[in-house]
C-alpha atoms as a PDB file:
ATOM      1  CA  MET A   1      -9.449 -17.513  22.946  1.00  0.00           C
ATOM      2  CA  ASP A   2     -12.072 -20.165  22.359  1.00  0.00           C
ATOM      3  CA  VAL A   3     -15.599 -19.136  21.613  1.00  0.00           C
ATOM      4  CA  LEU A   4     -18.342 -21.203  23.138  1.00  0.00           C
ATOM      5  CA  SER A   5     -21.854 -21.121  21.797  1.00  0.00           C
ATOM      6  CA  SER A   6     -24.746 -20.791  24.134  1.00  0.00           C
ATOM      7  CA  ASP A   7     -28.289 -22.048  23.809  1.00  0.00           C
ATOM      8  CA  ASP A   8     -29.358 -18.460  23.104  1.00  0.00           C
ATOM      9  CA  ASP A   9     -27.113 -18.387  20.023  1.00  0.00           C
ATOM     10  CA  SER A  10     -28.630 -21.641  18.770  1.00  0.00           C
ATOM     11  CA  ILE A  11     -32.175 -20.366  19.234  1.00  0.00           C
ATOM     12  CA  ILE A  12     -31.395 -17.170  17.348  1.00  0.00           C
ATOM     13  CA  GLU A  13     -29.866 -19.164  14.479  1.00  0.00           C
ATOM     14  CA  VAL A  14     -32.897 -21.480  14.311  1.00  0.00           C
ATOM     15  CA  VAL A  15     -35.310 -18.537  14.224  1.00  0.00           C
ATOM     16  CA  GLU A  16     -33.264 -16.715  11.568  1.00  0.00           C
ATOM     17  CA  ASN A  17     -33.107 -19.891   9.502  1.00  0.00           C
ATOM     18  CA  LYS A  18     -36.892 -20.336   9.692  1.00  0.00           C
ATOM     19  CA  ILE A  19     -37.414 -16.720   8.617  1.00  0.00           C
ATOM     20  CA  GLN A  20     -35.107 -17.214   5.620  1.00  0.00           C
ATOM     21  CA  VAL A  21     -36.893 -20.436   4.626  1.00  0.00           C
ATOM     22  CA  LYS A  22     -40.298 -18.697   4.759  1.00  0.00           C
ATOM     23  CA  LYS A  23     -38.897 -15.861   2.648  1.00  0.00           C
ATOM     24  CA  LEU A  24     -37.562 -18.349   0.096  1.00  0.00           C
ATOM     25  CA  TYR A  25     -40.872 -20.203  -0.188  1.00  0.00           C
ATOM     26  CA  SER A  26     -42.694 -16.890  -0.579  1.00  0.00           C
ATOM     27  CA  LYS A  27     -40.361 -15.838  -3.407  1.00  0.00           C
ATOM     28  CA  ILE A  28     -40.758 -19.228  -5.085  1.00  0.00           C
ATOM     29  CA  ASP A  29     -44.547 -18.801  -5.045  1.00  0.00           C
ATOM     30  CA  ASN A  30     -44.541 -15.160  -6.157  1.00  0.00           C
ATOM     31  CA  CYS A  31     -41.789 -14.710  -8.725  1.00  0.00           C
ATOM     32  CA  LEU A  32     -41.491 -18.030 -10.569  1.00  0.00           C
ATOM     33  CA  ALA A  33     -43.620 -19.269 -13.432  1.00  0.00           C
ATOM     34  CA  GLN A  34     -45.520 -22.500 -12.749  1.00  0.00           C
ATOM     35  CA  ARG A  35     -43.068 -24.731 -14.643  1.00  0.00           C
ATOM     36  CA  GLU A  36     -40.047 -23.067 -12.995  1.00  0.00           C
ATOM     37  CA  LYS A  37     -41.630 -23.550  -9.580  1.00  0.00           C
ATOM     38  CA  LEU A  38     -42.349 -27.206 -10.308  1.00  0.00           C
ATOM     39  CA  VAL A  39     -38.790 -27.876 -11.504  1.00  0.00           C
ATOM     40  CA  ILE A  40     -37.250 -26.193  -8.439  1.00  0.00           C
ATOM     41  CA  GLU A  41     -39.574 -28.031  -6.040  1.00  0.00           C
ATOM     42  CA  MET A  42     -38.775 -31.403  -7.605  1.00  0.00           C
ATOM     43  CA  ARG A  43     -35.063 -30.724  -8.103  1.00  0.00           C
ATOM     44  CA  TYR A  44     -34.464 -29.797  -4.466  1.00  0.00           C
ATOM     45  CA  GLY A  45     -37.062 -32.069  -2.854  1.00  0.00           C
ATOM     46  CA  LEU A  46     -39.194 -29.223  -1.519  1.00  0.00           C
ATOM     47  CA  LEU A  47     -42.406 -31.200  -1.935  1.00  0.00           C
ATOM     48  CA  ASP A  48     -41.506 -34.611  -0.544  1.00  0.00           C
ATOM     49  CA  GLY A  49     -37.956 -34.278   0.814  1.00  0.00           C
ATOM     50  CA  LYS A  50     -36.594 -36.363  -2.077  1.00  0.00           C
ATOM     51  CA  PRO A  51     -34.580 -34.382  -4.625  1.00  0.00           C
ATOM     52  CA  LYS A  52     -34.867 -35.601  -8.208  1.00  0.00           C
ATOM     53  CA  THR A  53     -32.260 -35.562 -10.949  1.00  0.00           C
ATOM     54  CA  GLN A  54     -32.721 -33.484 -14.071  1.00  0.00           C
ATOM     55  CA  ARG A  55     -33.257 -36.710 -16.007  1.00  0.00           C
ATOM     56  CA  GLU A  56     -36.034 -37.835 -13.656  1.00  0.00           C
ATOM     57  CA  ILE A  57     -37.753 -34.453 -13.933  1.00  0.00           C
ATOM     58  CA  ALA A  58     -37.407 -34.464 -17.719  1.00  0.00           C
ATOM     59  CA  LYS A  59     -39.040 -37.886 -17.912  1.00  0.00           C
ATOM     60  CA  LEU A  60     -41.920 -36.806 -15.632  1.00  0.00           C
ATOM     61  CA  LEU A  61     -42.567 -33.615 -17.597  1.00  0.00           C
ATOM     62  CA  GLY A  62     -41.955 -35.092 -21.038  1.00  0.00           C
ATOM     63  CA  ILE A  63     -39.173 -32.646 -21.921  1.00  0.00           C
ATOM     64  CA  SER A  64     -35.416 -32.937 -22.479  1.00  0.00           C
ATOM     65  CA  ARG A  65     -32.891 -32.950 -19.663  1.00  0.00           C
ATOM     66  CA  SER A  66     -31.180 -29.905 -21.167  1.00  0.00           C
ATOM     67  CA  TYR A  67     -34.479 -27.996 -21.126  1.00  0.00           C
ATOM     68  CA  VAL A  68     -34.904 -28.870 -17.423  1.00  0.00           C
ATOM     69  CA  SER A  69     -31.391 -27.520 -16.891  1.00  0.00           C
ATOM     70  CA  ARG A  70     -32.268 -24.233 -18.628  1.00  0.00           C
ATOM     71  CA  ILE A  71     -35.505 -23.879 -16.643  1.00  0.00           C
ATOM     72  CA  GLU A  72     -33.659 -24.543 -13.386  1.00  0.00           C
ATOM     73  CA  LYS A  73     -30.906 -22.055 -14.211  1.00  0.00           C
ATOM     74  CA  ARG A  74     -33.437 -19.336 -15.149  1.00  0.00           C
ATOM     75  CA  ALA A  75     -35.459 -19.961 -11.968  1.00  0.00           C
ATOM     76  CA  LEU A  76     -32.377 -19.823  -9.737  1.00  0.00           C
ATOM     77  CA  LYS A  77     -31.329 -16.527 -11.339  1.00  0.00           C
ATOM     78  CA  LYS A  78     -34.778 -15.084 -10.661  1.00  0.00           C
ATOM     79  CA  LEU A  79     -34.694 -16.242  -7.047  1.00  0.00           C
ATOM     80  CA  PHE A  80     -31.193 -14.865  -6.550  1.00  0.00           C
ATOM     81  CA  LYS A  81     -32.293 -11.471  -7.878  1.00  0.00           C
ATOM     82  CA  GLU A  82     -35.415 -11.416  -5.725  1.00  0.00           C
ATOM     83  CA  LEU A  83     -33.657 -12.511  -2.542  1.00  0.00           C
ATOM     84  CA  ASN A  84     -30.831 -10.020  -2.971  1.00  0.00           C
ATOM     85  CA  ASN A  85     -32.943  -7.097  -4.209  1.00  0.00           C
ATOM     86  CA  VAL A  86     -30.834  -6.725  -7.339  1.00  0.00           C
ATOM     87  CA  ASN A  87     -33.785  -5.377  -9.311  1.00  0.00           C
ATOM     88  CA  LYS A  88     -32.209  -2.645 -11.424  1.00  0.00           C
END
């Protein structure tokens, strides 16, 4: 049997998506250190819609690309923990 989506389903998905995005931005503001926040915002284009490479971020911040990678990895782990309530 084929499943057809209705406009109601689309509206619910849009609202749920917006709620998740607000939750993510809140966690970014509350649980990340300033440098971690900056790296995540630049890396995923959260400020201007234009994602930057680790090399571009490293050049802007005057640090190595590998250090940007470590900061990004640490920040993503923190966000994952916060968003999934894995605080044990």
